[in-house]
């Protein structure tokens, strides 16, 4: 499995259970396929449609301060 697919699977499950979920976008990775392109960009688009928020680590740390 690829990290971005695992994150998305857990994200979908948690949303379906009623949780509000934030994805830390620079805390996961995805492959770059020679023919299909950059899976990380595709993952961020998907996360944006599913998650309640998609933030960077710096943004999350600042919000917790």
PDB file of N, CA and C in Angstrom:
ATOM      1  N   UNK A   1       0.838  -1.184   0.000  1.00  0.00           N
ATOM      2  CA  UNK A   1       0.000   0.000   0.000  1.00  0.00           C
ATOM      3  C   UNK A   1       0.883   1.246   0.000  1.00  0.00           C
ATOM      4  N   UNK A   2       0.306   2.307  -0.458  1.00  0.00           N
ATOM      5  CA  UNK A   2       0.991   3.581  -0.493  1.00  0.00           C
ATOM      6  C   UNK A   2       0.504   4.437   0.671  1.00  0.00           C
ATOM      7  N   UNK A   3       1.387   5.253   1.213  1.00  0.00           N
ATOM      8  CA  UNK A   3       1.034   6.055   2.399  1.00  0.00           C
ATOM      9  C   UNK A   3      -0.213   6.891   2.175  1.00  0.00           C
ATOM     10  N   UNK A   4      -0.320   7.530   1.026  1.00  0.00           N
ATOM     11  CA  UNK A   4      -1.482   8.388   0.786  1.00  0.00           C
ATOM     12  C   UNK A   4      -2.781   7.592   0.724  1.00  0.00           C
ATOM     13  N   UNK A   5      -2.729   6.365   0.238  1.00  0.00           N
ATOM     14  CA  UNK A   5      -3.932   5.532   0.174  1.00  0.00           C
ATOM     15  C   UNK A   5      -4.335   5.089   1.576  1.00  0.00           C
ATOM     16  N   UNK A   6      -3.358   4.765   2.411  1.00  0.00           N
ATOM     17  CA  UNK A   6      -3.659   4.390   3.802  1.00  0.00           C
ATOM     18  C   UNK A   6      -4.268   5.567   4.559  1.00  0.00           C
ATOM     19  N   UNK A   7      -3.695   6.747   4.391  1.00  0.00           N
ATOM     20  CA  UNK A   7      -4.230   7.938   5.062  1.00  0.00           C
ATOM     21  C   UNK A   7      -5.660   8.184   4.598  1.00  0.00           C
ATOM     22  N   UNK A   8      -5.896   8.091   3.302  1.00  0.00           N
ATOM     23  CA  UNK A   8      -7.241   8.336   2.788  1.00  0.00           C
ATOM     24  C   UNK A   8      -8.239   7.301   3.304  1.00  0.00           C
ATOM     25  N   UNK A   9      -7.832   6.043   3.391  1.00  0.00           N
ATOM     26  CA  UNK A   9      -8.734   5.003   3.897  1.00  0.00           C
ATOM     27  C   UNK A   9      -9.132   5.283   5.343  1.00  0.00           C
ATOM     28  N   UNK A  10      -8.164   5.636   6.177  1.00  0.00           N
ATOM     29  CA  UNK A  10      -8.464   5.957   7.577  1.00  0.00           C
ATOM     30  C   UNK A  10      -9.305   7.229   7.665  1.00  0.00           C
ATOM     31  N   UNK A  11      -8.981   8.202   6.834  1.00  0.00           N
ATOM     32  CA  UNK A  11      -9.732   9.450   6.802  1.00  0.00           C
ATOM     33  C   UNK A  11     -11.204   9.181   6.501  1.00  0.00           C
ATOM     34  N   UNK A  12     -11.470   8.397   5.477  1.00  0.00           N
ATOM     35  CA  UNK A  12     -12.855   8.075   5.108  1.00  0.00           C
ATOM     36  C   UNK A  12     -13.568   7.352   6.245  1.00  0.00           C
ATOM     37  N   UNK A  13     -12.879   6.398   6.870  1.00  0.00           N
ATOM     38  CA  UNK A  13     -13.482   5.638   7.965  1.00  0.00           C
ATOM     39  C   UNK A  13     -13.837   6.551   9.134  1.00  0.00           C
ATOM     40  N   UNK A  14     -12.919   7.425   9.514  1.00  0.00           N
ATOM     41  CA  UNK A  14     -13.174   8.325  10.644  1.00  0.00           C
ATOM     42  C   UNK A  14     -14.308   9.304  10.344  1.00  0.00           C
ATOM     43  N   UNK A  15     -14.346   9.828   9.126  1.00  0.00           N
ATOM     44  CA  UNK A  15     -15.432  10.733   8.734  1.00  0.00           C
ATOM     45  C   UNK A  15     -16.768   9.997   8.803  1.00  0.00           C
ATOM     46  N   UNK A  16     -16.800   8.764   8.313  1.00  0.00           N
ATOM     47  CA  UNK A  16     -18.036   7.976   8.355  1.00  0.00           C
ATOM     48  C   UNK A  16     -18.495   7.697   9.783  1.00  0.00           C
ATOM     49  N   UNK A  17     -17.539   7.659  10.725  1.00  0.00           N
ATOM     50  CA  UNK A  17     -17.884   7.440  12.132  1.00  0.00           C
ATOM     51  C   UNK A  17     -18.300   8.738  12.827  1.00  0.00           C
ATOM     52  N   UNK A  18     -18.239   9.849  12.120  1.00  0.00           N
ATOM     53  CA  UNK A  18     -18.699  11.109  12.687  1.00  0.00           C
ATOM     54  C   UNK A  18     -17.623  12.006  13.264  1.00  0.00           C
ATOM     55  N   UNK A  19     -16.355  11.626  13.114  1.00  0.00           N
ATOM     56  CA  UNK A  19     -15.273  12.459  13.634  1.00  0.00           C
ATOM     57  C   UNK A  19     -15.008  13.637  12.708  1.00  0.00           C
ATOM     58  N   UNK A  20     -14.531  14.739  13.268  1.00  0.00           N
ATOM     59  CA  UNK A  20     -13.966  15.817  12.474  1.00  0.00           C
ATOM     60  C   UNK A  20     -12.490  15.514  12.325  1.00  0.00           C
ATOM     61  N   UNK A  21     -11.992  15.524  11.094  1.00  0.00           N
ATOM     62  CA  UNK A  21     -10.628  15.064  10.839  1.00  0.00           C
ATOM     63  C   UNK A  21      -9.828  16.128  10.110  1.00  0.00           C
ATOM     64  N   UNK A  22      -8.626  16.365  10.610  1.00  0.00           N
ATOM     65  CA  UNK A  22      -7.668  17.273  10.011  1.00  0.00           C
ATOM     66  C   UNK A  22      -6.518  16.442   9.456  1.00  0.00           C
ATOM     67  N   UNK A  23      -6.095  16.714   8.248  1.00  0.00           N
ATOM     68  CA  UNK A  23      -4.943  16.035   7.659  1.00  0.00           C
ATOM     69  C   UNK A  23      -3.767  17.004   7.686  1.00  0.00           C
ATOM     70  N   UNK A  24      -2.631  16.526   8.184  1.00  0.00           N
ATOM     71  CA  UNK A  24      -1.400  17.315   8.170  1.00  0.00           C
ATOM     72  C   UNK A  24      -0.682  16.958   6.872  1.00  0.00           C
ATOM     73  N   UNK A  25      -0.776  17.862   5.906  1.00  0.00           N
ATOM     74  CA  UNK A  25      -0.381  17.538   4.537  1.00  0.00           C
ATOM     75  C   UNK A  25       1.097  17.260   4.334  1.00  0.00           C
ATOM     76  N   UNK A  26       1.963  17.801   5.173  1.00  0.00           N
ATOM     77  CA  UNK A  26       3.381  17.518   5.006  1.00  0.00           C
ATOM     78  C   UNK A  26       3.865  16.407   5.932  1.00  0.00           C
ATOM     79  N   UNK A  27       2.925  15.633   6.469  1.00  0.00           N
ATOM     80  CA  UNK A  27       3.275  14.505   7.331  1.00  0.00           C
ATOM     81  C   UNK A  27       2.957  13.172   6.658  1.00  0.00           C
ATOM     82  N   UNK A  28       2.714  13.203   5.371  1.00  0.00           N
ATOM     83  CA  UNK A  28       2.503  11.982   4.598  1.00  0.00           C
ATOM     84  C   UNK A  28       3.195  12.160   3.254  1.00  0.00           C
ATOM     85  N   UNK A  29       3.236  11.099   2.497  1.00  0.00           N
ATOM     86  CA  UNK A  29       3.916  11.142   1.204  1.00  0.00           C
ATOM     87  C   UNK A  29       3.154  10.291   0.210  1.00  0.00           C
ATOM     88  N   UNK A  30       3.528  10.416  -1.042  1.00  0.00           N
ATOM     89  CA  UNK A  30       2.936   9.606  -2.101  1.00  0.00           C
ATOM     90  C   UNK A  30       3.970   9.465  -3.215  1.00  0.00           C
ATOM     91  N   UNK A  31       3.816   8.446  -4.022  1.00  0.00           N
ATOM     92  CA  UNK A  31       4.796   8.230  -5.088  1.00  0.00           C
ATOM     93  C   UNK A  31       4.592   9.168  -6.270  1.00  0.00           C
ATOM     94  N   UNK A  32       5.574   9.207  -7.106  1.00  0.00           N
ATOM     95  CA  UNK A  32       5.485   9.933  -8.375  1.00  0.00           C
ATOM     96  C   UNK A  32       5.602   8.875  -9.471  1.00  0.00           C
ATOM     97  N   UNK A  33       4.525   8.679 -10.194  1.00  0.00           N
ATOM     98  CA  UNK A  33       4.471   7.659 -11.243  1.00  0.00           C
ATOM     99  C   UNK A  33       4.997   8.252 -12.553  1.00  0.00           C
ATOM    100  N   UNK A  34       5.851   7.510 -13.268  1.00  0.00           N
ATOM    101  CA  UNK A  34       6.432   8.071 -14.489  1.00  0.00           C
ATOM    102  C   UNK A  34       5.403   8.409 -15.571  1.00  0.00           C
ATOM    103  N   UNK A  35       4.286   7.708 -15.588  1.00  0.00           N
ATOM    104  CA  UNK A  35       3.277   7.967 -16.619  1.00  0.00           C
ATOM    105  C   UNK A  35       2.043   8.682 -16.068  1.00  0.00           C
ATOM    106  N   UNK A  36       1.668   8.382 -14.834  1.00  0.00           N
ATOM    107  CA  UNK A  36       0.433   8.922 -14.272  1.00  0.00           C
ATOM    108  C   UNK A  36       0.625  10.241 -13.542  1.00  0.00           C
ATOM    109  N   UNK A  37       1.851  10.581 -13.199  1.00  0.00           N
ATOM    110  CA  UNK A  37       2.115  11.873 -12.582  1.00  0.00           C
ATOM    111  C   UNK A  37       2.323  11.817 -11.080  1.00  0.00           C
ATOM    112  N   UNK A  38       2.101  12.965 -10.445  1.00  0.00           N
ATOM    113  CA  UNK A  38       2.389  13.179  -9.032  1.00  0.00           C
ATOM    114  C   UNK A  38       1.198  12.772  -8.172  1.00  0.00           C
ATOM    115  N   UNK A  39       1.293  11.636  -7.529  1.00  0.00           N
ATOM    116  CA  UNK A  39       0.203  11.147  -6.681  1.00  0.00           C
ATOM    117  C   UNK A  39       0.010  12.007  -5.433  1.00  0.00           C
ATOM    118  N   UNK A  40       1.051  12.707  -4.991  1.00  0.00           N
ATOM    119  CA  UNK A  40       0.922  13.573  -3.816  1.00  0.00           C
ATOM    120  C   UNK A  40      -0.076  14.699  -4.096  1.00  0.00           C
ATOM    121  N   UNK A  41       0.027  15.323  -5.261  1.00  0.00           N
ATOM    122  CA  UNK A  41      -0.927  16.384  -5.617  1.00  0.00           C
ATOM    123  C   UNK A  41      -2.344  15.836  -5.680  1.00  0.00           C
ATOM    124  N   UNK A  42      -2.490  14.650  -6.251  1.00  0.00           N
ATOM    125  CA  UNK A  42      -3.814  14.020  -6.325  1.00  0.00           C
ATOM    126  C   UNK A  42      -4.340  13.717  -4.925  1.00  0.00           C
ATOM    127  N   UNK A  43      -3.459  13.245  -4.040  1.00  0.00           N
ATOM    128  CA  UNK A  43      -3.861  12.937  -2.664  1.00  0.00           C
ATOM    129  C   UNK A  43      -4.343  14.197  -1.949  1.00  0.00           C
ATOM    130  N   UNK A  44      -3.638  15.310  -2.120  1.00  0.00           N
ATOM    131  CA  UNK A  44      -4.045  16.562  -1.469  1.00  0.00           C
ATOM    132  C   UNK A  44      -5.417  17.018  -1.953  1.00  0.00           C
ATOM    133  N   UNK A  45      -5.690  16.822  -3.226  1.00  0.00           N
ATOM    134  CA  UNK A  45      -7.016  17.165  -3.754  1.00  0.00           C
ATOM    135  C   UNK A  45      -8.072  16.298  -3.080  1.00  0.00           C
ATOM    136  N   UNK A  46      -7.822  14.996  -3.017  1.00  0.00           N
ATOM    137  CA  UNK A  46      -8.776  14.084  -2.367  1.00  0.00           C
ATOM    138  C   UNK A  46      -8.962  14.430  -0.896  1.00  0.00           C
ATOM    139  N   UNK A  47      -7.856  14.674  -0.188  1.00  0.00           N
ATOM    140  CA  UNK A  47      -7.949  15.030   1.228  1.00  0.00           C
ATOM    141  C   UNK A  47      -8.810  16.279   1.399  1.00  0.00           C
ATOM    142  N   UNK A  48      -8.637  17.246   0.503  1.00  0.00           N
ATOM    143  CA  UNK A  48      -9.400  18.484   0.581  1.00  0.00           C
ATOM    144  C   UNK A  48     -10.901  18.272   0.438  1.00  0.00           C
ATOM    145  N   UNK A  49     -11.286  17.292  -0.354  1.00  0.00           N
ATOM    146  CA  UNK A  49     -12.709  16.992  -0.530  1.00  0.00           C
ATOM    147  C   UNK A  49     -13.289  16.236   0.661  1.00  0.00           C
ATOM    148  N   UNK A  50     -12.456  15.485   1.372  1.00  0.00           N
ATOM    149  CA  UNK A  50     -12.959  14.589   2.420  1.00  0.00           C
ATOM    150  C   UNK A  50     -12.780  15.177   3.821  1.00  0.00           C
ATOM    151  N   UNK A  51     -11.593  15.684   4.114  1.00  0.00           N
ATOM    152  CA  UNK A  51     -11.250  16.137   5.470  1.00  0.00           C
ATOM    153  C   UNK A  51     -11.946  17.439   5.825  1.00  0.00           C
ATOM    154  N   UNK A  52     -12.045  17.690   7.112  1.00  0.00           N
ATOM    155  CA  UNK A  52     -12.572  18.965   7.589  1.00  0.00           C
ATOM    156  C   UNK A  52     -11.560  20.082   7.374  1.00  0.00           C
ATOM    157  N   UNK A  53     -10.270  19.727   7.353  1.00  0.00           N
ATOM    158  CA  UNK A  53      -9.213  20.700   7.095  1.00  0.00           C
ATOM    159  C   UNK A  53      -7.962  19.962   6.632  1.00  0.00           C
ATOM    160  N   UNK A  54      -7.158  20.647   5.824  1.00  0.00           N
ATOM    161  CA  UNK A  54      -5.858  20.134   5.381  1.00  0.00           C
ATOM    162  C   UNK A  54      -4.861  21.247   5.643  1.00  0.00           C
ATOM    163  N   UNK A  55      -3.982  21.029   6.616  1.00  0.00           N
ATOM    164  CA  UNK A  55      -3.041  22.063   7.047  1.00  0.00           C
ATOM    165  C   UNK A  55      -1.617  21.530   7.048  1.00  0.00           C
ATOM    166  N   UNK A  56      -0.655  22.441   7.090  1.00  0.00           N
ATOM    167  CA  UNK A  56       0.751  22.055   7.237  1.00  0.00           C
ATOM    168  C   UNK A  56       1.075  21.844   8.713  1.00  0.00           C
ATOM    169  N   UNK A  57       2.210  21.239   8.980  1.00  0.00           N
ATOM    170  CA  UNK A  57       2.647  21.048  10.369  1.00  0.00           C
ATOM    171  C   UNK A  57       2.762  22.388  11.081  1.00  0.00           C
ATOM    172  N   UNK A  58       3.353  23.376  10.415  1.00  0.00           N
ATOM    173  CA  UNK A  58       3.506  24.698  11.033  1.00  0.00           C
ATOM    174  C   UNK A  58       2.143  25.310  11.392  1.00  0.00           C
ATOM    175  N   UNK A  59       1.170  25.138  10.533  1.00  0.00           N
ATOM    176  CA  UNK A  59      -0.158  25.683  10.801  1.00  0.00           C
ATOM    177  C   UNK A  59      -0.814  24.984  11.992  1.00  0.00           C
ATOM    178  N   UNK A  60      -0.612  23.678  12.100  1.00  0.00           N
ATOM    179  CA  UNK A  60      -1.185  22.931  13.223  1.00  0.00           C
ATOM    180  C   UNK A  60      -0.519  23.329  14.536  1.00  0.00           C
ATOM    181  N   UNK A  61       0.803  23.445  14.510  1.00  0.00           N
ATOM    182  CA  UNK A  61       1.543  23.838  15.717  1.00  0.00           C
ATOM    183  C   UNK A  61       1.132  25.239  16.154  1.00  0.00           C
ATOM    184  N   UNK A  62       1.000  26.147  15.203  1.00  0.00           N
ATOM    185  CA  UNK A  62       0.585  27.516  15.538  1.00  0.00           C
ATOM    186  C   UNK A  62      -0.824  27.535  16.131  1.00  0.00           C
ATOM    187  N   UNK A  63      -1.707  26.691  15.616  1.00  0.00           N
ATOM    188  CA  UNK A  63      -3.075  26.635  16.134  1.00  0.00           C
ATOM    189  C   UNK A  63      -3.138  26.078  17.540  1.00  0.00           C
ATOM    190  N   UNK A  64      -2.175  25.237  17.906  1.00  0.00           N
ATOM    191  CA  UNK A  64      -2.139  24.643  19.252  1.00  0.00           C
ATOM    192  C   UNK A  64      -1.494  25.561  20.271  1.00  0.00           C
ATOM    193  N   UNK A  65      -0.814  26.606  19.805  1.00  0.00           N
ATOM    194  CA  UNK A  65      -0.109  27.501  20.736  1.00  0.00           C
ATOM    195  C   UNK A  65      -1.048  28.395  21.494  1.00  0.00           C
TER     196      UNK A  65
END
